[in-house]
Amino acid sequence: MTVKDTMIAILREALHPVRLDVTDESHLHAGHGGWREGGETHFRVSIEAHAFKGKSRIERHRMINTLLAAELRGPVHALAIDAKETGE
């Protein structure tokens, strides 16, 4: 299973999003800090979920960072997040 697949599975299981897109943007960071040959180091998550209702932008980011803590400690160097409440 790829890092991307793992991240998708974790986010789907925990947040039941109505929309989820996880994009490997590693190729945009070639030669920069944290980049490795083969990619899977820099990701962008765009997610929409009811689970974010009443949560601030920071709280939403913290939720995602907590869920993906193992990946952020390991193979993932950078994570850009766009998290919205359903219907926002």
PDB file of N, CA and C in Angstrom:
ATOM      1  N   MET A   1       0.844  -1.178   0.000  1.00  0.00           N
ATOM      2  CA  MET A   1       0.000   0.000   0.000  1.00  0.00           C
ATOM      3  C   MET A   1       0.893   1.246   0.000  1.00  0.00           C
ATOM      4  N   THR A   2       0.569   2.205  -0.826  1.00  0.00           N
ATOM      5  CA  THR A   2       1.364   3.429  -0.903  1.00  0.00           C
ATOM      6  C   THR A   2       1.031   4.345   0.278  1.00  0.00           C
ATOM      7  N   VAL A   3       1.873   5.333   0.497  1.00  0.00           N
ATOM      8  CA  VAL A   3       1.626   6.327   1.538  1.00  0.00           C
ATOM      9  C   VAL A   3       0.303   7.036   1.239  1.00  0.00           C
ATOM     10  N   LYS A   4       0.090   7.387  -0.003  1.00  0.00           N
ATOM     11  CA  LYS A   4      -1.153   8.046  -0.408  1.00  0.00           C
ATOM     12  C   LYS A   4      -2.359   7.171  -0.074  1.00  0.00           C
ATOM     13  N   ASP A   5      -2.313   5.893  -0.402  1.00  0.00           N
ATOM     14  CA  ASP A   5      -3.415   4.972  -0.112  1.00  0.00           C
ATOM     15  C   ASP A   5      -3.672   4.872   1.392  1.00  0.00           C
ATOM     16  N   THR A   6      -2.601   4.840   2.165  1.00  0.00           N
ATOM     17  CA  THR A   6      -2.718   4.773   3.620  1.00  0.00           C
ATOM     18  C   THR A   6      -3.409   6.020   4.153  1.00  0.00           C
ATOM     19  N   MET A   7      -2.992   7.189   3.667  1.00  0.00           N
ATOM     20  CA  MET A   7      -3.591   8.441   4.112  1.00  0.00           C
ATOM     21  C   MET A   7      -5.076   8.494   3.759  1.00  0.00           C
ATOM     22  N   ILE A   8      -5.421   8.082   2.561  1.00  0.00           N
ATOM     23  CA  ILE A   8      -6.825   8.053   2.134  1.00  0.00           C
ATOM     24  C   ILE A   8      -7.636   7.137   3.044  1.00  0.00           C
ATOM     25  N   ALA A   9      -7.126   5.956   3.322  1.00  0.00           N
ATOM     26  CA  ALA A   9      -7.843   4.997   4.165  1.00  0.00           C
ATOM     27  C   ALA A   9      -8.072   5.557   5.569  1.00  0.00           C
ATOM     28  N   ILE A  10      -7.061   6.167   6.144  1.00  0.00           N
ATOM     29  CA  ILE A  10      -7.170   6.731   7.499  1.00  0.00           C
ATOM     30  C   ILE A  10      -8.212   7.843   7.532  1.00  0.00           C
ATOM     31  N   LEU A  11      -8.137   8.756   6.578  1.00  0.00           N
ATOM     32  CA  LEU A  11      -9.066   9.885   6.559  1.00  0.00           C
ATOM     33  C   LEU A  11     -10.498   9.438   6.279  1.00  0.00           C
ATOM     34  N   ARG A  12     -10.670   8.484   5.389  1.00  0.00           N
ATOM     35  CA  ARG A  12     -12.027   7.976   5.104  1.00  0.00           C
ATOM     36  C   ARG A  12     -12.633   7.306   6.335  1.00  0.00           C
ATOM     37  N   GLU A  13     -11.841   6.478   6.976  1.00  0.00           N
ATOM     38  CA  GLU A  13     -12.327   5.735   8.145  1.00  0.00           C
ATOM     39  C   GLU A  13     -12.723   6.672   9.286  1.00  0.00           C
ATOM     40  N   ALA A  14     -11.921   7.676   9.542  1.00  0.00           N
ATOM     41  CA  ALA A  14     -12.137   8.539  10.699  1.00  0.00           C
ATOM     42  C   ALA A  14     -13.139   9.665  10.448  1.00  0.00           C
ATOM     43  N   LEU A  15     -13.142  10.221   9.228  1.00  0.00           N
ATOM     44  CA  LEU A  15     -13.926  11.431   8.986  1.00  0.00           C
ATOM     45  C   LEU A  15     -15.116  11.250   8.049  1.00  0.00           C
ATOM     46  N   HIS A  16     -15.190  10.130   7.361  1.00  0.00           N
ATOM     47  CA  HIS A  16     -16.288   9.854   6.420  1.00  0.00           C
ATOM     48  C   HIS A  16     -16.557  11.062   5.518  1.00  0.00           C
ATOM     49  N   PRO A  17     -15.559  11.501   4.784  1.00  0.00           N
ATOM     50  CA  PRO A  17     -15.720  12.720   3.973  1.00  0.00           C
ATOM     51  C   PRO A  17     -16.693  12.535   2.813  1.00  0.00           C
ATOM     52  N   VAL A  18     -17.327  13.640   2.434  1.00  0.00           N
ATOM     53  CA  VAL A  18     -18.169  13.625   1.242  1.00  0.00           C
ATOM     54  C   VAL A  18     -17.307  13.906   0.009  1.00  0.00           C
ATOM     55  N   ARG A  19     -16.142  14.492   0.240  1.00  0.00           N
ATOM     56  CA  ARG A  19     -15.174  14.733  -0.834  1.00  0.00           C
ATOM     57  C   ARG A  19     -13.784  14.618  -0.235  1.00  0.00           C
ATOM     58  N   LEU A  20     -12.907  13.897  -0.935  1.00  0.00           N
ATOM     59  CA  LEU A  20     -11.527  13.723  -0.481  1.00  0.00           C
ATOM     60  C   LEU A  20     -10.615  13.589  -1.689  1.00  0.00           C
ATOM     61  N   ASP A  21      -9.573  14.403  -1.693  1.00  0.00           N
ATOM     62  CA  ASP A  21      -8.569  14.316  -2.740  1.00  0.00           C
ATOM     63  C   ASP A  21      -7.202  14.419  -2.066  1.00  0.00           C
ATOM     64  N   VAL A  22      -6.399  13.409  -2.232  1.00  0.00           N
ATOM     65  CA  VAL A  22      -5.028  13.408  -1.716  1.00  0.00           C
ATOM     66  C   VAL A  22      -4.100  13.377  -2.917  1.00  0.00           C
ATOM     67  N   THR A  23      -3.288  14.419  -3.048  1.00  0.00           N
ATOM     68  CA  THR A  23      -2.417  14.583  -4.209  1.00  0.00           C
ATOM     69  C   THR A  23      -0.958  14.535  -3.784  1.00  0.00           C
ATOM     70  N   ASP A  24      -0.181  13.694  -4.446  1.00  0.00           N
ATOM     71  CA  ASP A  24       1.263  13.641  -4.222  1.00  0.00           C
ATOM     72  C   ASP A  24       1.901  14.759  -5.047  1.00  0.00           C
ATOM     73  N   GLU A  25       2.413  15.769  -4.368  1.00  0.00           N
ATOM     74  CA  GLU A  25       3.043  16.915  -5.036  1.00  0.00           C
ATOM     75  C   GLU A  25       4.569  16.869  -4.921  1.00  0.00           C
ATOM     76  N   SER A  26       5.101  15.712  -4.630  1.00  0.00           N
ATOM     77  CA  SER A  26       6.540  15.564  -4.414  1.00  0.00           C
ATOM     78  C   SER A  26       7.356  16.041  -5.608  1.00  0.00           C
ATOM     79  N   HIS A  27       6.855  15.805  -6.810  1.00  0.00           N
ATOM     80  CA  HIS A  27       7.594  16.190  -8.018  1.00  0.00           C
ATOM     81  C   HIS A  27       7.826  17.707  -8.079  1.00  0.00           C
ATOM     82  N   LEU A  28       6.982  18.471  -7.400  1.00  0.00           N
ATOM     83  CA  LEU A  28       7.144  19.926  -7.376  1.00  0.00           C
ATOM     84  C   LEU A  28       8.259  20.377  -6.438  1.00  0.00           C
ATOM     85  N   HIS A  29       8.762  19.461  -5.620  1.00  0.00           N
ATOM     86  CA  HIS A  29       9.751  19.788  -4.604  1.00  0.00           C
ATOM     87  C   HIS A  29      11.078  19.063  -4.814  1.00  0.00           C
ATOM     88  N   ALA A  30      11.289  18.535  -5.991  1.00  0.00           N
ATOM     89  CA  ALA A  30      12.518  17.797  -6.298  1.00  0.00           C
ATOM     90  C   ALA A  30      13.742  18.632  -5.942  1.00  0.00           C
ATOM     91  N   GLY A  31      14.626  18.029  -5.179  1.00  0.00           N
ATOM     92  CA  GLY A  31      15.866  18.685  -4.783  1.00  0.00           C
ATOM     93  C   GLY A  31      15.744  19.535  -3.531  1.00  0.00           C
ATOM     94  N   HIS A  32      14.526  19.755  -3.028  1.00  0.00           N
ATOM     95  CA  HIS A  32      14.320  20.556  -1.822  1.00  0.00           C
ATOM     96  C   HIS A  32      14.395  19.672  -0.581  1.00  0.00           C
ATOM     97  N   GLY A  33      14.418  20.301   0.574  1.00  0.00           N
ATOM     98  CA  GLY A  33      14.479  19.578   1.835  1.00  0.00           C
ATOM     99  C   GLY A  33      13.362  18.565   1.993  1.00  0.00           C
ATOM    100  N   GLY A  34      13.694  17.388   2.458  1.00  0.00           N
ATOM    101  CA  GLY A  34      12.715  16.352   2.704  1.00  0.00           C
ATOM    102  C   GLY A  34      12.323  15.529   1.495  1.00  0.00           C
ATOM    103  N   TRP A  35      12.706  15.984   0.319  1.00  0.00           N
ATOM    104  CA  TRP A  35      12.362  15.256  -0.901  1.00  0.00           C
ATOM    105  C   TRP A  35      13.214  14.006  -1.033  1.00  0.00           C
ATOM    106  N   ARG A  36      12.604  12.926  -1.514  1.00  0.00           N
ATOM    107  CA  ARG A  36      13.314  11.669  -1.774  1.00  0.00           C
ATOM    108  C   ARG A  36      12.971  11.191  -3.169  1.00  0.00           C
ATOM    109  N   GLU A  37      13.885  10.515  -3.770  1.00  0.00           N
ATOM    110  CA  GLU A  37      13.645   9.874  -5.069  1.00  0.00           C
ATOM    111  C   GLU A  37      12.459   8.930  -4.917  1.00  0.00           C
ATOM    112  N   GLY A  38      11.551   8.969  -5.851  1.00  0.00           N
ATOM    113  CA  GLY A  38      10.374   8.105  -5.794  1.00  0.00           C
ATOM    114  C   GLY A  38       9.141   8.801  -5.248  1.00  0.00           C
ATOM    115  N   GLY A  39       9.314   9.991  -4.707  1.00  0.00           N
ATOM    116  CA  GLY A  39       8.166  10.771  -4.246  1.00  0.00           C
ATOM    117  C   GLY A  39       7.595  10.331  -2.925  1.00  0.00           C
ATOM    118  N   GLU A  40       6.303  10.616  -2.750  1.00  0.00           N
ATOM    119  CA  GLU A  40       5.560  10.327  -1.526  1.00  0.00           C
ATOM    120  C   GLU A  40       6.160  11.032  -0.306  1.00  0.00           C
ATOM    121  N   THR A  41       6.579  12.287  -0.505  1.00  0.00           N
ATOM    122  CA  THR A  41       7.117  13.089   0.598  1.00  0.00           C
ATOM    123  C   THR A  41       6.313  14.363   0.829  1.00  0.00           C
ATOM    124  N   HIS A  42       5.684  14.881  -0.201  1.00  0.00           N
ATOM    125  CA  HIS A  42       4.941  16.138  -0.130  1.00  0.00           C
ATOM    126  C   HIS A  42       3.523  15.914  -0.668  1.00  0.00           C
ATOM    127  N   PHE A  43       2.525  16.174   0.179  1.00  0.00           N
ATOM    128  CA  PHE A  43       1.138  15.907  -0.191  1.00  0.00           C
ATOM    129  C   PHE A  43       0.245  17.120   0.024  1.00  0.00           C
ATOM    130  N   ARG A  44      -0.862  17.124  -0.695  1.00  0.00           N
ATOM    131  CA  ARG A  44      -1.936  18.106  -0.507  1.00  0.00           C
ATOM    132  C   ARG A  44      -3.217  17.316  -0.268  1.00  0.00           C
ATOM    133  N   VAL A  45      -3.913  17.654   0.817  1.00  0.00           N
ATOM    134  CA  VAL A  45      -5.189  17.029   1.151  1.00  0.00           C
ATOM    135  C   VAL A  45      -6.277  18.086   1.016  1.00  0.00           C
ATOM    136  N   SER A  46      -7.270  17.775   0.222  1.00  0.00           N
ATOM    137  CA  SER A  46      -8.461  18.605   0.086  1.00  0.00           C
ATOM    138  C   SER A  46      -9.628  17.736   0.521  1.00  0.00           C
ATOM    139  N   ILE A  47     -10.329  18.182   1.569  1.00  0.00           N
ATOM    140  CA  ILE A  47     -11.350  17.330   2.171  1.00  0.00           C
ATOM    141  C   ILE A  47     -12.552  18.158   2.610  1.00  0.00           C
ATOM    142  N   GLU A  48     -13.719  17.546   2.458  1.00  0.00           N
ATOM    143  CA  GLU A  48     -14.968  18.150   2.913  1.00  0.00           C
ATOM    144  C   GLU A  48     -15.696  17.093   3.726  1.00  0.00           C
ATOM    145  N   ALA A  49     -16.059  17.438   4.976  1.00  0.00           N
ATOM    146  CA  ALA A  49     -16.686  16.441   5.840  1.00  0.00           C
ATOM    147  C   ALA A  49     -17.601  17.095   6.877  1.00  0.00           C
ATOM    148  N   HIS A  50     -18.649  16.386   7.244  1.00  0.00           N
ATOM    149  CA  HIS A  50     -19.546  16.829   8.312  1.00  0.00           C
ATOM    150  C   HIS A  50     -18.796  16.894   9.641  1.00  0.00           C
ATOM    151  N   ALA A  51     -17.749  16.103   9.783  1.00  0.00           N
ATOM    152  CA  ALA A  51     -16.975  16.048  11.031  1.00  0.00           C
ATOM    153  C   ALA A  51     -16.342  17.390  11.384  1.00  0.00           C
ATOM    154  N   PHE A  52     -16.257  18.291  10.428  1.00  0.00           N
ATOM    155  CA  PHE A  52     -15.650  19.596  10.680  1.00  0.00           C
ATOM    156  C   PHE A  52     -16.657  20.645  11.149  1.00  0.00           C
ATOM    157  N   LYS A  53     -17.915  20.264  11.284  1.00  0.00           N
ATOM    158  CA  LYS A  53     -18.957  21.220  11.674  1.00  0.00           C
ATOM    159  C   LYS A  53     -18.595  21.902  12.989  1.00  0.00           C
ATOM    160  N   GLY A  54     -18.622  23.235  12.964  1.00  0.00           N
ATOM    161  CA  GLY A  54     -18.339  24.015  14.166  1.00  0.00           C
ATOM    162  C   GLY A  54     -16.872  24.122  14.530  1.00  0.00           C
ATOM    163  N   LYS A  55     -15.999  23.546  13.715  1.00  0.00           N
ATOM    164  CA  LYS A  55     -14.557  23.564  13.998  1.00  0.00           C
ATOM    165  C   LYS A  55     -13.890  24.718  13.242  1.00  0.00           C
ATOM    166  N   SER A  56     -12.930  25.341  13.894  1.00  0.00           N
ATOM    167  CA  SER A  56     -12.158  26.389  13.233  1.00  0.00           C
ATOM    168  C   SER A  56     -11.181  25.745  12.251  1.00  0.00           C
ATOM    169  N   ARG A  57     -10.598  26.567  11.406  1.00  0.00           N
ATOM    170  CA  ARG A  57      -9.605  26.069  10.450  1.00  0.00           C
ATOM    171  C   ARG A  57      -8.451  25.372  11.179  1.00  0.00           C
ATOM    172  N   ILE A  58      -8.001  25.945  12.262  1.00  0.00           N
ATOM    173  CA  ILE A  58      -6.899  25.346  13.026  1.00  0.00           C
ATOM    174  C   ILE A  58      -7.325  24.010  13.617  1.00  0.00           C
ATOM    175  N   GLU A  59      -8.538  23.935  14.154  1.00  0.00           N
ATOM    176  CA  GLU A  59      -9.023  22.671  14.720  1.00  0.00           C
ATOM    177  C   GLU A  59      -9.125  21.586  13.643  1.00  0.00           C
ATOM    178  N   ARG A  60      -9.548  21.951  12.456  1.00  0.00           N
ATOM    179  CA  ARG A  60      -9.634  20.997  11.352  1.00  0.00           C
ATOM    180  C   ARG A  60      -8.257  20.467  10.981  1.00  0.00           C
ATOM    181  N   HIS A  61      -7.292  21.379  10.895  1.00  0.00           N
ATOM    182  CA  HIS A  61      -5.923  20.982  10.565  1.00  0.00           C
ATOM    183  C   HIS A  61      -5.356  20.078  11.658  1.00  0.00           C
ATOM    184  N   ARG A  62      -5.618  20.417  12.900  1.00  0.00           N
ATOM    185  CA  ARG A  62      -5.133  19.583  14.010  1.00  0.00           C
ATOM    186  C   ARG A  62      -5.731  18.184  13.952  1.00  0.00           C
ATOM    187  N   MET A  63      -7.006  18.090  13.610  1.00  0.00           N
ATOM    188  CA  MET A  63      -7.652  16.777  13.487  1.00  0.00           C
ATOM    189  C   MET A  63      -6.921  15.925  12.451  1.00  0.00           C
ATOM    190  N   ILE A  64      -6.651  16.521  11.311  1.00  0.00           N
ATOM    191  CA  ILE A  64      -5.981  15.788  10.228  1.00  0.00           C
ATOM    192  C   ILE A  64      -4.553  15.446  10.611  1.00  0.00           C
ATOM    193  N   ASN A  65      -3.834  16.400  11.192  1.00  0.00           N
ATOM    194  CA  ASN A  65      -2.456  16.134  11.609  1.00  0.00           C
ATOM    195  C   ASN A  65      -2.390  15.022  12.649  1.00  0.00           C
ATOM    196  N   THR A  66      -3.356  14.980  13.554  1.00  0.00           N
ATOM    197  CA  THR A  66      -3.399  13.917  14.563  1.00  0.00           C
ATOM    198  C   THR A  66      -3.652  12.564  13.906  1.00  0.00           C
ATOM    199  N   LEU A  67      -4.607  12.518  12.991  1.00  0.00           N
ATOM    200  CA  LEU A  67      -4.914  11.259  12.302  1.00  0.00           C
ATOM    201  C   LEU A  67      -3.733  10.746  11.486  1.00  0.00           C
ATOM    202  N   LEU A  68      -2.962  11.661  10.912  1.00  0.00           N
ATOM    203  CA  LEU A  68      -1.841  11.278  10.045  1.00  0.00           C
ATOM    204  C   LEU A  68      -0.495  11.405  10.748  1.00  0.00           C
ATOM    205  N   ALA A  69      -0.497  11.393  12.075  1.00  0.00           N
ATOM    206  CA  ALA A  69       0.728  11.597  12.856  1.00  0.00           C
ATOM    207  C   ALA A  69       1.845  10.618  12.485  1.00  0.00           C
ATOM    208  N   ALA A  70       1.522   9.360  12.309  1.00  0.00           N
ATOM    209  CA  ALA A  70       2.563   8.369  11.991  1.00  0.00           C
ATOM    210  C   ALA A  70       3.200   8.664  10.635  1.00  0.00           C
ATOM    211  N   GLU A  71       2.385   9.052   9.681  1.00  0.00           N
ATOM    212  CA  GLU A  71       2.917   9.367   8.345  1.00  0.00           C
ATOM    213  C   GLU A  71       3.772  10.638   8.397  1.00  0.00           C
ATOM    214  N   LEU A  72       3.353  11.610   9.211  1.00  0.00           N
ATOM    215  CA  LEU A  72       4.111  12.858   9.327  1.00  0.00           C
ATOM    216  C   LEU A  72       5.429  12.650  10.079  1.00  0.00           C
ATOM    217  N   ARG A  73       5.470  11.670  10.952  1.00  0.00           N
ATOM    218  CA  ARG A  73       6.723  11.338  11.637  1.00  0.00           C
ATOM    219  C   ARG A  73       7.644  10.521  10.740  1.00  0.00           C
ATOM    220  N   GLY A  74       7.065   9.881   9.743  1.00  0.00           N
ATOM    221  CA  GLY A  74       7.826   8.987   8.880  1.00  0.00           C
ATOM    222  C   GLY A  74       8.058   9.546   7.499  1.00  0.00           C
ATOM    223  N   PRO A  75       7.378   8.997   6.509  1.00  0.00           N
ATOM    224  CA  PRO A  75       7.703   9.316   5.119  1.00  0.00           C
ATOM    225  C   PRO A  75       7.251  10.690   4.628  1.00  0.00           C
ATOM    226  N   VAL A  76       6.247  11.296   5.272  1.00  0.00           N
ATOM    227  CA  VAL A  76       5.704  12.559   4.769  1.00  0.00           C
ATOM    228  C   VAL A  76       6.466  13.735   5.369  1.00  0.00           C
ATOM    229  N   HIS A  77       7.043  14.544   4.495  1.00  0.00           N
ATOM    230  CA  HIS A  77       7.804  15.722   4.919  1.00  0.00           C
ATOM    231  C   HIS A  77       6.913  16.954   5.032  1.00  0.00           C
ATOM    232  N   ALA A  78       5.950  17.095   4.118  1.00  0.00           N
ATOM    233  CA  ALA A  78       5.097  18.280   4.104  1.00  0.00           C
ATOM    234  C   ALA A  78       3.673  17.905   3.716  1.00  0.00           C
ATOM    235  N   LEU A  79       2.727  18.593   4.360  1.00  0.00           N
ATOM    236  CA  LEU A  79       1.317  18.331   4.105  1.00  0.00           C
ATOM    237  C   LEU A  79       0.566  19.655   4.041  1.00  0.00           C
ATOM    238  N   ALA A  80      -0.003  19.947   2.877  1.00  0.00           N
ATOM    239  CA  ALA A  80      -0.863  21.123   2.711  1.00  0.00           C
ATOM    240  C   ALA A  80      -2.301  20.652   2.874  1.00  0.00           C
ATOM    241  N   ILE A  81      -3.108  21.427   3.609  1.00  0.00           N
ATOM    242  CA  ILE A  81      -4.461  20.990   3.938  1.00  0.00           C
ATOM    243  C   ILE A  81      -5.477  22.061   3.568  1.00  0.00           C
ATOM    244  N   ASP A  82      -6.542  21.613   2.890  1.00  0.00           N
ATOM    245  CA  ASP A  82      -7.718  22.428   2.642  1.00  0.00           C
ATOM    246  C   ASP A  82      -8.894  21.617   3.174  1.00  0.00           C
ATOM    247  N   ALA A  83      -9.379  21.985   4.377  1.00  0.00           N
ATOM    248  CA  ALA A  83     -10.428  21.215   5.036  1.00  0.00           C
ATOM    249  C   ALA A  83     -11.661  22.082   5.227  1.00  0.00           C
ATOM    250  N   LYS A  84     -12.790  21.615   4.696  1.00  0.00           N
ATOM    251  CA  LYS A  84     -14.034  22.379   4.768  1.00  0.00           C
ATOM    252  C   LYS A  84     -15.150  21.549   5.361  1.00  0.00           C
ATOM    253  N   GLU A  85     -16.045  22.254   6.029  1.00  0.00           N
ATOM    254  CA  GLU A  85     -17.264  21.625   6.509  1.00  0.00           C
ATOM    255  C   GLU A  85     -18.168  21.389   5.309  1.00  0.00           C
ATOM    256  N   THR A  86     -18.911  20.313   5.305  1.00  0.00           N
ATOM    257  CA  THR A  86     -19.815  20.011   4.207  1.00  0.00           C
ATOM    258  C   THR A  86     -20.769  21.182   3.988  1.00  0.00           C
ATOM    259  N   GLY A  87     -20.870  21.614   2.735  1.00  0.00           N
ATOM    260  CA  GLY A  87     -21.760  22.703   2.385  1.00  0.00           C
ATOM    261  C   GLY A  87     -21.154  24.082   2.553  1.00  0.00           C
ATOM    262  N   GLU A  88     -19.937  24.162   2.995  1.00  0.00           N
ATOM    263  CA  GLU A  88     -19.269  25.445   3.231  1.00  0.00           C
ATOM    264  C   GLU A  88     -18.846  26.104   1.951  1.00  0.00           C
TER     265      GLU A  88
END
